N, C-alpha and C. Protein backbone atom coordinates (compact mmCIF):
# COMPACT_ATOMS: atom_id res chain seq x y z
N MET A 1 70.76 -65.99 -18.93
CA MET A 1 69.86 -64.92 -19.34
C MET A 1 68.67 -64.88 -18.40
N LEU A 2 68.17 -63.67 -18.06
CA LEU A 2 67.01 -63.58 -17.20
C LEU A 2 65.81 -64.23 -17.85
N THR A 3 65.02 -64.96 -17.05
CA THR A 3 63.87 -65.64 -17.60
C THR A 3 62.77 -64.66 -17.92
N ALA A 4 61.91 -65.02 -18.91
CA ALA A 4 60.81 -64.17 -19.29
C ALA A 4 59.76 -65.02 -19.94
N THR A 5 58.51 -64.62 -19.86
CA THR A 5 57.45 -65.34 -20.54
C THR A 5 57.51 -65.07 -22.02
N ALA A 6 56.79 -65.88 -22.80
CA ALA A 6 56.80 -65.71 -24.24
C ALA A 6 56.28 -64.35 -24.63
N SER A 7 55.33 -63.80 -23.85
CA SER A 7 54.79 -62.49 -24.18
C SER A 7 55.76 -61.38 -23.82
N GLN A 8 56.66 -61.65 -22.83
CA GLN A 8 57.61 -60.63 -22.43
C GLN A 8 58.79 -60.58 -23.39
N GLY A 9 59.28 -61.76 -23.83
CA GLY A 9 60.38 -61.79 -24.77
C GLY A 9 59.85 -61.44 -26.15
N ARG A 10 60.47 -60.46 -26.81
CA ARG A 10 59.90 -60.02 -28.07
C ARG A 10 60.95 -59.42 -28.97
N GLU A 11 60.66 -59.40 -30.26
CA GLU A 11 61.53 -58.75 -31.21
C GLU A 11 61.28 -57.25 -31.14
N LEU A 12 62.35 -56.50 -30.94
CA LEU A 12 62.21 -55.09 -30.70
C LEU A 12 61.70 -54.33 -31.92
N GLU A 13 62.02 -54.84 -33.12
CA GLU A 13 61.58 -54.14 -34.30
C GLU A 13 60.05 -54.07 -34.35
N ASP A 14 59.37 -55.05 -33.78
CA ASP A 14 57.92 -55.10 -33.83
C ASP A 14 57.27 -54.34 -32.68
N SER A 15 57.92 -54.27 -31.53
CA SER A 15 57.26 -53.76 -30.34
C SER A 15 57.64 -52.33 -29.99
N GLY A 16 58.76 -51.84 -30.52
CA GLY A 16 59.24 -50.54 -30.09
C GLY A 16 59.92 -50.58 -28.75
N GLY A 17 60.19 -51.78 -28.22
CA GLY A 17 60.81 -51.90 -26.91
C GLY A 17 62.19 -51.28 -26.84
N LEU A 18 62.93 -51.31 -27.94
CA LEU A 18 64.27 -50.74 -27.94
C LEU A 18 64.22 -49.24 -27.68
N GLU A 19 63.25 -48.57 -28.30
CA GLU A 19 63.13 -47.14 -28.11
C GLU A 19 62.79 -46.79 -26.66
N ALA A 20 61.93 -47.61 -26.03
CA ALA A 20 61.58 -47.37 -24.63
C ALA A 20 62.78 -47.54 -23.71
N LEU A 21 63.56 -48.61 -23.95
CA LEU A 21 64.77 -48.83 -23.15
C LEU A 21 65.78 -47.73 -23.43
N GLU A 22 65.86 -47.31 -24.67
CA GLU A 22 66.79 -46.24 -25.04
C GLU A 22 66.49 -44.96 -24.27
N GLN A 23 65.22 -44.65 -24.09
CA GLN A 23 64.85 -43.45 -23.34
C GLN A 23 65.30 -43.55 -21.89
N ARG A 24 65.21 -44.74 -21.32
CA ARG A 24 65.62 -44.91 -19.92
C ARG A 24 67.14 -44.81 -19.76
N LEU A 25 67.87 -45.28 -20.76
CA LEU A 25 69.32 -45.31 -20.66
C LEU A 25 70.00 -44.03 -21.13
N ALA A 26 69.25 -43.12 -21.74
CA ALA A 26 69.84 -41.92 -22.36
C ALA A 26 70.70 -41.15 -21.37
N ARG A 27 71.90 -40.79 -21.81
CA ARG A 27 72.84 -40.02 -20.99
C ARG A 27 73.40 -38.86 -21.80
N THR A 28 73.74 -37.79 -21.12
CA THR A 28 74.39 -36.65 -21.76
C THR A 28 75.87 -36.71 -21.41
N PRO A 29 76.75 -36.83 -22.43
CA PRO A 29 78.19 -36.91 -22.13
C PRO A 29 78.68 -35.60 -21.50
N PRO A 30 79.75 -35.68 -20.68
CA PRO A 30 80.60 -36.85 -20.49
C PRO A 30 79.98 -37.88 -19.53
N VAL A 31 80.20 -39.16 -19.86
CA VAL A 31 79.70 -40.27 -19.07
C VAL A 31 80.87 -41.21 -18.80
N SER A 32 81.00 -41.69 -17.58
CA SER A 32 82.07 -42.64 -17.28
C SER A 32 81.59 -43.67 -16.28
N THR A 33 82.21 -44.84 -16.31
CA THR A 33 81.89 -45.91 -15.38
C THR A 33 83.10 -46.80 -15.17
N GLU A 34 83.23 -47.35 -13.98
CA GLU A 34 84.28 -48.32 -13.72
C GLU A 34 83.87 -49.66 -14.32
N PHE A 35 84.87 -50.48 -14.63
CA PHE A 35 84.58 -51.81 -15.16
C PHE A 35 85.63 -52.81 -14.70
N VAL A 36 85.21 -54.07 -14.68
CA VAL A 36 86.13 -55.20 -14.49
C VAL A 36 85.80 -56.20 -15.58
N GLU A 37 86.79 -56.58 -16.37
CA GLU A 37 86.57 -57.52 -17.48
C GLU A 37 87.32 -58.83 -17.20
N TYR A 38 86.62 -59.94 -17.46
CA TYR A 38 87.23 -61.27 -17.35
C TYR A 38 87.14 -61.93 -18.72
N ARG A 39 88.28 -62.35 -19.24
CA ARG A 39 88.32 -63.02 -20.53
C ARG A 39 88.59 -64.51 -20.32
N PHE A 40 87.79 -65.34 -21.00
CA PHE A 40 87.89 -66.79 -20.86
C PHE A 40 88.36 -67.41 -22.17
N SER A 41 89.22 -68.41 -22.04
CA SER A 41 89.71 -69.14 -23.20
C SER A 41 89.95 -70.60 -22.80
N HIS A 42 89.64 -71.51 -23.72
CA HIS A 42 89.89 -72.92 -23.43
C HIS A 42 91.38 -73.22 -23.39
N LEU A 43 92.18 -72.25 -23.81
CA LEU A 43 93.64 -72.43 -23.76
C LEU A 43 94.23 -71.99 -22.42
N LEU A 44 93.41 -71.36 -21.58
CA LEU A 44 93.90 -70.84 -20.31
C LEU A 44 93.23 -71.57 -19.15
N LYS A 45 93.98 -71.80 -18.07
CA LYS A 45 93.42 -72.44 -16.88
C LYS A 45 92.61 -71.45 -16.06
N LYS A 46 92.97 -70.17 -16.12
CA LYS A 46 92.27 -69.15 -15.36
C LYS A 46 91.89 -68.00 -16.28
N PRO A 47 90.83 -67.28 -15.96
CA PRO A 47 90.46 -66.12 -16.77
C PRO A 47 91.48 -65.00 -16.61
N LEU A 48 91.56 -64.14 -17.61
CA LEU A 48 92.39 -62.95 -17.54
C LEU A 48 91.52 -61.79 -17.06
N ARG A 49 91.99 -61.09 -16.02
CA ARG A 49 91.20 -59.99 -15.47
C ARG A 49 91.88 -58.65 -15.74
N SER A 50 91.09 -57.69 -16.17
CA SER A 50 91.57 -56.32 -16.33
C SER A 50 90.51 -55.38 -15.76
N SER A 51 90.94 -54.19 -15.37
CA SER A 51 90.00 -53.25 -14.78
C SER A 51 90.41 -51.83 -15.11
N GLY A 52 89.43 -50.92 -15.02
CA GLY A 52 89.70 -49.53 -15.33
C GLY A 52 88.41 -48.75 -15.46
N THR A 53 88.37 -47.81 -16.39
CA THR A 53 87.17 -47.00 -16.59
C THR A 53 86.83 -46.92 -18.08
N LEU A 54 85.54 -46.80 -18.35
CA LEU A 54 85.04 -46.50 -19.69
C LEU A 54 84.47 -45.10 -19.65
N GLU A 55 84.80 -44.29 -20.68
CA GLU A 55 84.33 -42.91 -20.70
C GLU A 55 83.85 -42.54 -22.10
N TYR A 56 82.73 -41.83 -22.16
CA TYR A 56 82.24 -41.28 -23.42
C TYR A 56 82.29 -39.76 -23.27
N ARG A 57 83.22 -39.10 -24.02
CA ARG A 57 83.48 -37.69 -23.83
C ARG A 57 82.54 -36.82 -24.65
N VAL A 58 82.53 -35.54 -24.32
CA VAL A 58 81.64 -34.61 -25.02
C VAL A 58 82.02 -34.45 -26.49
N ASP A 59 83.29 -34.75 -26.83
CA ASP A 59 83.72 -34.64 -28.23
C ASP A 59 83.40 -35.90 -29.04
N GLY A 60 82.66 -36.86 -28.43
CA GLY A 60 82.27 -38.06 -29.15
C GLY A 60 83.29 -39.17 -29.12
N VAL A 61 84.40 -39.00 -28.41
CA VAL A 61 85.44 -40.02 -28.32
C VAL A 61 85.14 -40.94 -27.13
N MET A 62 85.21 -42.25 -27.38
CA MET A 62 85.09 -43.21 -26.29
C MET A 62 86.49 -43.64 -25.85
N VAL A 63 86.71 -43.67 -24.55
CA VAL A 63 88.02 -44.00 -23.99
C VAL A 63 87.88 -45.19 -23.05
N ARG A 64 88.67 -46.21 -23.32
CA ARG A 64 88.76 -47.37 -22.43
C ARG A 64 90.12 -47.32 -21.77
N ASN A 65 90.12 -46.97 -20.48
CA ASN A 65 91.36 -46.77 -19.76
C ASN A 65 91.59 -47.93 -18.80
N VAL A 66 92.50 -48.83 -19.16
CA VAL A 66 92.82 -49.98 -18.33
C VAL A 66 93.96 -49.59 -17.38
N VAL A 67 93.76 -49.83 -16.09
CA VAL A 67 94.78 -49.49 -15.10
C VAL A 67 95.44 -50.72 -14.50
N ALA A 68 94.81 -51.91 -14.64
CA ALA A 68 95.39 -53.15 -14.11
C ALA A 68 94.97 -54.31 -15.03
N PRO A 69 95.85 -55.28 -15.25
CA PRO A 69 97.17 -55.47 -14.62
C PRO A 69 98.26 -54.58 -15.20
N THR A 70 98.07 -54.05 -16.41
CA THR A 70 99.01 -53.09 -17.00
C THR A 70 98.19 -51.92 -17.54
N ARG A 71 98.86 -50.80 -17.73
CA ARG A 71 98.16 -49.61 -18.20
C ARG A 71 98.04 -49.63 -19.74
N GLU A 72 96.82 -49.36 -20.18
CA GLU A 72 96.55 -49.30 -21.61
C GLU A 72 95.36 -48.38 -21.85
N VAL A 73 95.48 -47.46 -22.81
CA VAL A 73 94.41 -46.54 -23.14
C VAL A 73 94.01 -46.75 -24.59
N THR A 74 92.72 -47.04 -24.79
CA THR A 74 92.17 -47.19 -26.13
C THR A 74 91.18 -46.06 -26.38
N GLU A 75 91.43 -45.26 -27.42
CA GLU A 75 90.55 -44.15 -27.77
C GLU A 75 89.89 -44.45 -29.11
N VAL A 76 88.55 -44.41 -29.13
CA VAL A 76 87.79 -44.66 -30.35
C VAL A 76 87.23 -43.33 -30.83
N ASP A 77 87.75 -42.85 -31.94
CA ASP A 77 87.35 -41.56 -32.49
C ASP A 77 86.82 -41.80 -33.90
N GLY A 78 85.50 -41.90 -34.03
CA GLY A 78 84.92 -42.22 -35.33
C GLY A 78 85.32 -43.63 -35.74
N ASP A 79 86.01 -43.74 -36.86
CA ASP A 79 86.43 -45.04 -37.37
C ASP A 79 87.88 -45.36 -37.00
N GLN A 80 88.51 -44.47 -36.25
CA GLN A 80 89.90 -44.65 -35.90
C GLN A 80 90.05 -45.06 -34.44
N VAL A 81 91.01 -45.95 -34.19
CA VAL A 81 91.31 -46.40 -32.83
C VAL A 81 92.78 -46.12 -32.54
N ARG A 82 93.02 -45.49 -31.40
CA ARG A 82 94.38 -45.24 -30.94
C ARG A 82 94.62 -46.05 -29.67
N ILE A 83 95.66 -46.87 -29.67
CA ILE A 83 95.97 -47.72 -28.53
C ILE A 83 97.35 -47.34 -27.99
N THR A 84 97.40 -46.98 -26.72
CA THR A 84 98.65 -46.58 -26.08
C THR A 84 98.91 -47.49 -24.90
N ARG A 85 100.02 -48.22 -24.93
CA ARG A 85 100.43 -49.07 -23.83
C ARG A 85 101.64 -48.47 -23.15
N ALA A 86 101.79 -48.76 -21.87
CA ALA A 86 102.88 -48.19 -21.09
C ALA A 86 104.23 -48.49 -21.73
N GLY A 87 105.03 -47.45 -21.96
CA GLY A 87 106.36 -47.62 -22.49
C GLY A 87 106.44 -47.90 -23.97
N LYS A 88 105.31 -47.84 -24.68
CA LYS A 88 105.30 -48.13 -26.11
C LYS A 88 104.64 -46.99 -26.88
N PRO A 89 105.04 -46.80 -28.16
CA PRO A 89 104.42 -45.73 -28.94
C PRO A 89 102.96 -46.05 -29.26
N THR A 90 102.18 -45.00 -29.47
CA THR A 90 100.76 -45.15 -29.78
C THR A 90 100.57 -45.79 -31.16
N ARG A 91 99.66 -46.76 -31.23
CA ARG A 91 99.31 -47.38 -32.50
C ARG A 91 97.94 -46.89 -32.93
N THR A 92 97.80 -46.62 -34.24
CA THR A 92 96.52 -46.17 -34.79
C THR A 92 96.08 -47.16 -35.86
N MET A 93 94.80 -47.53 -35.81
CA MET A 93 94.26 -48.47 -36.79
C MET A 93 92.83 -48.09 -37.12
N SER A 94 92.36 -48.60 -38.26
CA SER A 94 90.98 -48.38 -38.68
C SER A 94 90.11 -49.54 -38.21
N LEU A 95 88.92 -49.23 -37.70
CA LEU A 95 88.01 -50.27 -37.26
C LEU A 95 87.48 -51.08 -38.43
N GLN A 96 87.58 -50.57 -39.64
CA GLN A 96 87.15 -51.34 -40.80
C GLN A 96 88.01 -52.59 -40.98
N ARG A 97 89.21 -52.58 -40.44
CA ARG A 97 90.11 -53.73 -40.54
C ARG A 97 89.87 -54.73 -39.41
N ALA A 98 89.04 -54.36 -38.44
CA ALA A 98 88.77 -55.25 -37.29
C ALA A 98 87.28 -55.22 -36.98
N PRO A 99 86.47 -55.90 -37.79
CA PRO A 99 85.00 -55.82 -37.62
C PRO A 99 84.51 -56.29 -36.26
N GLN A 100 85.14 -57.32 -35.68
CA GLN A 100 84.70 -57.79 -34.38
C GLN A 100 84.94 -56.73 -33.31
N LEU A 101 86.10 -56.10 -33.36
CA LEU A 101 86.41 -55.03 -32.42
C LEU A 101 85.46 -53.85 -32.62
N ARG A 102 85.13 -53.58 -33.87
CA ARG A 102 84.24 -52.46 -34.17
C ARG A 102 82.87 -52.64 -33.52
N VAL A 103 82.29 -53.82 -33.65
CA VAL A 103 80.95 -54.01 -33.08
C VAL A 103 81.00 -54.11 -31.55
N LEU A 104 82.07 -54.68 -30.99
CA LEU A 104 82.19 -54.75 -29.54
C LEU A 104 82.32 -53.35 -28.94
N LEU A 105 83.21 -52.55 -29.51
CA LEU A 105 83.38 -51.19 -29.01
C LEU A 105 82.12 -50.37 -29.27
N GLY A 106 81.47 -50.64 -30.40
CA GLY A 106 80.23 -49.94 -30.71
C GLY A 106 79.14 -50.23 -29.71
N SER A 107 79.08 -51.46 -29.23
CA SER A 107 78.06 -51.81 -28.22
C SER A 107 78.33 -51.11 -26.91
N PHE A 108 79.61 -50.99 -26.51
CA PHE A 108 79.94 -50.26 -25.29
C PHE A 108 79.61 -48.77 -25.44
N ARG A 109 79.91 -48.22 -26.61
CA ARG A 109 79.59 -46.81 -26.86
C ARG A 109 78.08 -46.59 -26.75
N ALA A 110 77.30 -47.51 -27.33
CA ALA A 110 75.85 -47.38 -27.30
C ALA A 110 75.33 -47.40 -25.87
N LEU A 111 75.90 -48.27 -25.02
CA LEU A 111 75.46 -48.34 -23.63
C LEU A 111 75.84 -47.09 -22.85
N LEU A 112 77.04 -46.56 -23.09
CA LEU A 112 77.48 -45.36 -22.39
C LEU A 112 76.64 -44.16 -22.78
N GLU A 113 76.30 -44.07 -24.06
CA GLU A 113 75.55 -42.92 -24.57
C GLU A 113 74.04 -43.10 -24.40
N GLY A 114 73.61 -44.37 -24.35
CA GLY A 114 72.19 -44.65 -24.27
C GLY A 114 71.48 -44.56 -25.60
N ARG A 115 72.22 -44.69 -26.70
CA ARG A 115 71.62 -44.70 -28.04
C ARG A 115 71.70 -46.12 -28.58
N LEU A 116 70.60 -46.86 -28.45
CA LEU A 116 70.62 -48.29 -28.76
C LEU A 116 70.15 -48.61 -30.18
N THR A 117 69.31 -47.78 -30.78
CA THR A 117 68.76 -48.12 -32.10
C THR A 117 69.84 -48.33 -33.17
N PRO A 118 71.00 -47.62 -33.13
CA PRO A 118 72.04 -47.91 -34.12
C PRO A 118 72.56 -49.35 -34.07
N LEU A 119 72.37 -50.03 -32.94
CA LEU A 119 72.83 -51.41 -32.83
C LEU A 119 72.15 -52.32 -33.84
N GLN A 120 70.96 -51.94 -34.29
CA GLN A 120 70.22 -52.77 -35.23
C GLN A 120 70.90 -52.84 -36.60
N GLN A 121 71.85 -51.96 -36.86
CA GLN A 121 72.60 -52.02 -38.11
C GLN A 121 73.46 -53.29 -38.16
N ASP A 122 74.02 -53.67 -37.03
CA ASP A 122 74.94 -54.81 -36.98
C ASP A 122 74.35 -56.06 -36.33
N PHE A 123 73.25 -55.88 -35.57
CA PHE A 123 72.73 -57.00 -34.78
C PHE A 123 71.23 -57.22 -34.99
N ALA A 124 70.82 -58.48 -34.83
CA ALA A 124 69.41 -58.79 -34.56
C ALA A 124 69.24 -58.63 -33.06
N VAL A 125 68.29 -57.80 -32.64
CA VAL A 125 68.19 -57.39 -31.25
C VAL A 125 66.91 -57.95 -30.62
N LYS A 126 67.06 -58.52 -29.43
CA LYS A 126 65.92 -59.06 -28.71
C LYS A 126 65.99 -58.64 -27.24
N LEU A 127 64.84 -58.35 -26.66
CA LEU A 127 64.76 -57.91 -25.27
C LEU A 127 63.91 -58.88 -24.46
N ASP A 128 64.46 -59.34 -23.33
CA ASP A 128 63.70 -60.13 -22.36
C ASP A 128 63.57 -59.29 -21.09
N GLU A 129 62.37 -59.23 -20.53
CA GLU A 129 62.13 -58.42 -19.34
C GLU A 129 61.41 -59.23 -18.27
N GLN A 130 61.76 -58.93 -17.01
CA GLN A 130 61.05 -59.47 -15.87
C GLN A 130 61.04 -58.38 -14.82
N ALA A 131 59.87 -57.76 -14.64
CA ALA A 131 59.74 -56.58 -13.79
C ALA A 131 60.72 -55.51 -14.29
N ALA A 132 61.56 -54.96 -13.41
CA ALA A 132 62.48 -53.91 -13.82
C ALA A 132 63.76 -54.45 -14.46
N ASN A 133 63.98 -55.76 -14.37
CA ASN A 133 65.21 -56.36 -14.88
C ASN A 133 65.06 -56.70 -16.35
N TRP A 134 66.15 -56.55 -17.10
CA TRP A 134 66.10 -56.81 -18.53
C TRP A 134 67.42 -57.39 -19.04
N THR A 135 67.31 -58.12 -20.14
CA THR A 135 68.47 -58.63 -20.85
C THR A 135 68.32 -58.31 -22.33
N LEU A 136 69.30 -57.63 -22.87
CA LEU A 136 69.34 -57.28 -24.28
C LEU A 136 70.30 -58.24 -24.98
N THR A 137 69.79 -59.01 -25.94
CA THR A 137 70.61 -59.99 -26.66
C THR A 137 70.88 -59.48 -28.07
N LEU A 138 72.15 -59.45 -28.45
CA LEU A 138 72.59 -58.95 -29.75
C LEU A 138 73.26 -60.07 -30.52
N GLU A 139 72.69 -60.44 -31.67
CA GLU A 139 73.27 -61.49 -32.51
C GLU A 139 73.73 -60.86 -33.82
N PRO A 140 75.00 -61.09 -34.22
CA PRO A 140 75.54 -60.47 -35.43
C PRO A 140 74.73 -60.86 -36.67
N LYS A 141 74.49 -59.87 -37.53
CA LYS A 141 73.81 -60.13 -38.79
C LYS A 141 74.78 -60.61 -39.86
N ASP A 142 76.02 -60.17 -39.78
CA ASP A 142 77.03 -60.51 -40.78
C ASP A 142 77.53 -61.94 -40.53
N PRO A 143 77.35 -62.87 -41.48
CA PRO A 143 77.79 -64.25 -41.28
C PRO A 143 79.28 -64.38 -40.99
N SER A 144 80.10 -63.52 -41.61
CA SER A 144 81.54 -63.59 -41.37
C SER A 144 81.86 -63.19 -39.94
N LEU A 145 81.13 -62.21 -39.40
CA LEU A 145 81.33 -61.81 -38.01
C LEU A 145 80.81 -62.88 -37.06
N ALA A 146 79.71 -63.53 -37.44
CA ALA A 146 79.12 -64.57 -36.59
C ALA A 146 80.06 -65.76 -36.40
N LYS A 147 81.06 -65.90 -37.27
CA LYS A 147 82.04 -66.97 -37.10
C LYS A 147 82.94 -66.71 -35.89
N HIS A 148 83.01 -65.45 -35.47
CA HIS A 148 83.88 -65.07 -34.36
C HIS A 148 83.11 -64.61 -33.12
N LEU A 149 81.85 -64.21 -33.32
CA LEU A 149 81.05 -63.70 -32.21
C LEU A 149 79.66 -64.30 -32.28
N ALA A 150 79.30 -65.14 -31.30
CA ALA A 150 77.98 -65.77 -31.30
C ALA A 150 76.90 -64.78 -30.91
N HIS A 151 77.07 -64.12 -29.76
CA HIS A 151 76.11 -63.11 -29.34
C HIS A 151 76.66 -62.32 -28.16
N ILE A 152 76.04 -61.18 -27.91
CA ILE A 152 76.34 -60.34 -26.76
C ILE A 152 75.08 -60.22 -25.94
N ASP A 153 75.17 -60.48 -24.63
CA ASP A 153 74.05 -60.30 -23.71
C ASP A 153 74.38 -59.16 -22.76
N VAL A 154 73.47 -58.19 -22.70
CA VAL A 154 73.61 -57.07 -21.77
C VAL A 154 72.54 -57.22 -20.70
N HIS A 155 72.94 -57.37 -19.44
CA HIS A 155 72.01 -57.52 -18.33
C HIS A 155 71.94 -56.20 -17.57
N GLY A 156 70.72 -55.79 -17.22
CA GLY A 156 70.57 -54.54 -16.49
C GLY A 156 69.25 -54.47 -15.76
N SER A 157 69.04 -53.34 -15.12
CA SER A 157 67.80 -53.10 -14.39
C SER A 157 67.47 -51.62 -14.46
N GLY A 158 66.21 -51.33 -14.78
CA GLY A 158 65.80 -49.94 -14.86
C GLY A 158 66.61 -49.18 -15.88
N ASP A 159 67.30 -48.14 -15.43
CA ASP A 159 68.10 -47.32 -16.35
C ASP A 159 69.59 -47.61 -16.23
N ARG A 160 69.95 -48.81 -15.73
CA ARG A 160 71.37 -49.10 -15.49
C ARG A 160 71.77 -50.45 -16.04
N PRO A 161 72.68 -50.48 -17.04
CA PRO A 161 73.27 -51.76 -17.44
C PRO A 161 74.24 -52.23 -16.36
N ALA A 162 74.19 -53.52 -16.01
CA ALA A 162 75.03 -54.06 -14.93
C ALA A 162 76.25 -54.79 -15.46
N CYS A 163 76.09 -55.52 -16.58
CA CYS A 163 77.21 -56.29 -17.11
C CYS A 163 76.94 -56.67 -18.56
N VAL A 164 78.01 -57.05 -19.24
CA VAL A 164 77.95 -57.45 -20.65
C VAL A 164 78.69 -58.77 -20.80
N GLU A 165 78.03 -59.74 -21.47
CA GLU A 165 78.66 -61.02 -21.78
C GLU A 165 78.81 -61.13 -23.30
N ALA A 166 80.02 -61.32 -23.77
CA ALA A 166 80.29 -61.53 -25.19
C ALA A 166 80.76 -62.96 -25.37
N LEU A 167 80.00 -63.77 -26.11
CA LEU A 167 80.29 -65.19 -26.25
C LEU A 167 80.71 -65.52 -27.68
N GLU A 168 81.80 -66.27 -27.82
CA GLU A 168 82.27 -66.73 -29.12
C GLU A 168 81.69 -68.10 -29.42
N PRO A 169 81.63 -68.51 -30.70
CA PRO A 169 81.02 -69.80 -31.05
C PRO A 169 81.64 -71.00 -30.35
N ASP A 170 82.93 -70.95 -30.03
CA ASP A 170 83.59 -72.08 -29.38
C ASP A 170 83.46 -72.08 -27.87
N GLY A 171 82.71 -71.12 -27.32
CA GLY A 171 82.51 -71.04 -25.88
C GLY A 171 83.43 -70.07 -25.17
N ASP A 172 84.49 -69.62 -25.83
CA ASP A 172 85.34 -68.59 -25.24
C ASP A 172 84.56 -67.28 -25.21
N GLY A 173 85.09 -66.30 -24.50
CA GLY A 173 84.40 -65.02 -24.47
C GLY A 173 84.89 -64.13 -23.36
N ALA A 174 84.12 -63.07 -23.09
CA ALA A 174 84.48 -62.10 -22.07
C ALA A 174 83.23 -61.66 -21.33
N LEU A 175 83.41 -61.36 -20.05
CA LEU A 175 82.32 -60.86 -19.21
C LEU A 175 82.81 -59.58 -18.56
N THR A 176 82.05 -58.50 -18.74
CA THR A 176 82.43 -57.19 -18.21
C THR A 176 81.39 -56.73 -17.21
N LEU A 177 81.81 -56.48 -15.97
CA LEU A 177 80.95 -55.95 -14.92
C LEU A 177 81.21 -54.46 -14.78
N PHE A 178 80.14 -53.66 -14.74
CA PHE A 178 80.27 -52.23 -14.57
C PHE A 178 80.28 -51.91 -13.08
N THR A 179 81.44 -52.15 -12.48
CA THR A 179 81.59 -51.99 -11.04
C THR A 179 83.07 -51.80 -10.73
N ALA A 180 83.37 -51.42 -9.50
CA ALA A 180 84.76 -51.29 -9.07
C ALA A 180 85.38 -52.67 -8.95
N PRO A 181 86.69 -52.80 -9.19
CA PRO A 181 87.35 -54.10 -9.08
C PRO A 181 87.30 -54.62 -7.65
N PRO A 182 87.17 -55.95 -7.48
CA PRO A 182 87.11 -56.54 -6.15
C PRO A 182 88.47 -56.47 -5.46
N ALA A 183 88.45 -56.49 -4.14
CA ALA A 183 89.70 -56.50 -3.38
C ALA A 183 90.33 -57.89 -3.46
N GLY A 184 91.65 -57.94 -3.39
CA GLY A 184 92.35 -59.22 -3.41
C GLY A 184 92.66 -59.68 -4.82
N ASN A 185 93.40 -60.76 -4.91
CA ASN A 185 93.86 -61.27 -6.20
C ASN A 185 93.18 -62.55 -6.63
N SER A 186 92.25 -63.06 -5.83
CA SER A 186 91.60 -64.31 -6.19
C SER A 186 90.69 -64.12 -7.39
N LEU A 187 90.64 -65.13 -8.26
CA LEU A 187 89.81 -65.07 -9.46
C LEU A 187 88.60 -65.99 -9.29
N PRO A 188 87.39 -65.45 -9.46
CA PRO A 188 86.20 -66.30 -9.36
C PRO A 188 86.11 -67.21 -10.57
N THR A 189 85.31 -68.27 -10.45
CA THR A 189 85.09 -69.16 -11.58
C THR A 189 84.15 -68.49 -12.57
N ARG A 190 84.06 -69.08 -13.74
CA ARG A 190 83.16 -68.53 -14.76
C ARG A 190 81.71 -68.59 -14.30
N ALA A 191 81.33 -69.70 -13.69
CA ALA A 191 79.96 -69.84 -13.20
C ALA A 191 79.65 -68.80 -12.14
N GLU A 192 80.61 -68.52 -11.27
CA GLU A 192 80.40 -67.51 -10.23
C GLU A 192 80.24 -66.13 -10.84
N LEU A 193 81.02 -65.83 -11.88
CA LEU A 193 80.92 -64.53 -12.54
C LEU A 193 79.59 -64.37 -13.27
N GLU A 194 79.16 -65.44 -13.93
CA GLU A 194 77.88 -65.37 -14.63
C GLU A 194 76.74 -65.15 -13.63
N ARG A 195 76.84 -65.81 -12.48
CA ARG A 195 75.82 -65.63 -11.45
C ARG A 195 75.88 -64.21 -10.89
N GLN A 196 77.09 -63.70 -10.67
CA GLN A 196 77.24 -62.33 -10.17
C GLN A 196 76.69 -61.32 -11.16
N CYS A 197 76.88 -61.59 -12.45
CA CYS A 197 76.38 -60.70 -13.49
C CYS A 197 74.87 -60.54 -13.37
N ARG A 198 74.18 -61.63 -13.18
CA ARG A 198 72.72 -61.59 -13.11
C ARG A 198 72.24 -61.03 -11.76
N VAL A 199 72.95 -61.35 -10.68
CA VAL A 199 72.60 -60.81 -9.37
C VAL A 199 72.78 -59.30 -9.35
N SER A 200 73.84 -58.80 -9.99
CA SER A 200 74.09 -57.37 -10.04
C SER A 200 72.94 -56.64 -10.72
N ALA A 201 72.41 -57.25 -11.79
CA ALA A 201 71.29 -56.65 -12.50
C ALA A 201 70.05 -56.61 -11.61
N VAL A 202 69.78 -57.69 -10.89
CA VAL A 202 68.60 -57.75 -10.02
C VAL A 202 68.74 -56.76 -8.87
N GLN A 203 69.95 -56.66 -8.30
CA GLN A 203 70.16 -55.75 -7.17
C GLN A 203 69.98 -54.29 -7.58
N GLY A 204 70.23 -54.02 -8.86
CA GLY A 204 70.07 -52.66 -9.34
C GLY A 204 68.64 -52.18 -9.27
N ALA A 205 67.69 -53.11 -9.18
CA ALA A 205 66.28 -52.72 -9.12
C ALA A 205 65.84 -52.38 -7.71
N LYS A 206 66.65 -52.68 -6.72
CA LYS A 206 66.23 -52.50 -5.34
C LYS A 206 66.57 -51.10 -4.83
C-alpha cells in the first residue's frame, strides 16, 4: 500500500474524501479498459493469468471479456450474471447466490463508472494519499463475506485507477492491472506484480 502520514490516511465518512475522488474518476459510459489478471493460490506453483477487456455499457451492463488463455464473456445486468464460455451454453445465475462475486464485480463496476459512494454499503472504506497517488482500501462489513475476502486495495493516481488487489484471509488472491497484456509467456512473481502495481500508479501521475 502507498505510504501516507497519519493526517493523510483518513476515514472517508468523516472527511468527504470519497466524494472528491469520485468526482475525479467520474466517467460517462460507454467506458472500457484492457486488463491483465493474475490469480494466486497456495495450491498452485505459478499464478493463473488471464487478459481481456472490461466494459461498462450505456445500458448499465458491465462486460468482462476474457480473450486469453480461453475465451469467456461475463455480463452483469443488475442482479443477474450471464457467463458464456467457448463451445458451451450460456449460464445465468443470481449474484445473491454468490456474495463474494457480487462485491468483487461491484467494485469493478464502481471503478469503471466512477461512482464510489455505493461501495460504502458493502465495505468500510479508507483512503491513503501521497501527492497525486492514492490507495483505496475496502474491507467487507459482512462477517460471512470477510471469511472469504480480507480486503481489496485499489491503487491509482489522479483520475486513473492503475490496479486492484483482492486478498483472501489465507493469503490467496488476485491482482488486476488495467493495462495491455505483456508480450511473451513468462509469468512474473507475486512480489514483482505487487511492485508493478504500485509503480504503475506512481507513473500515472507523471
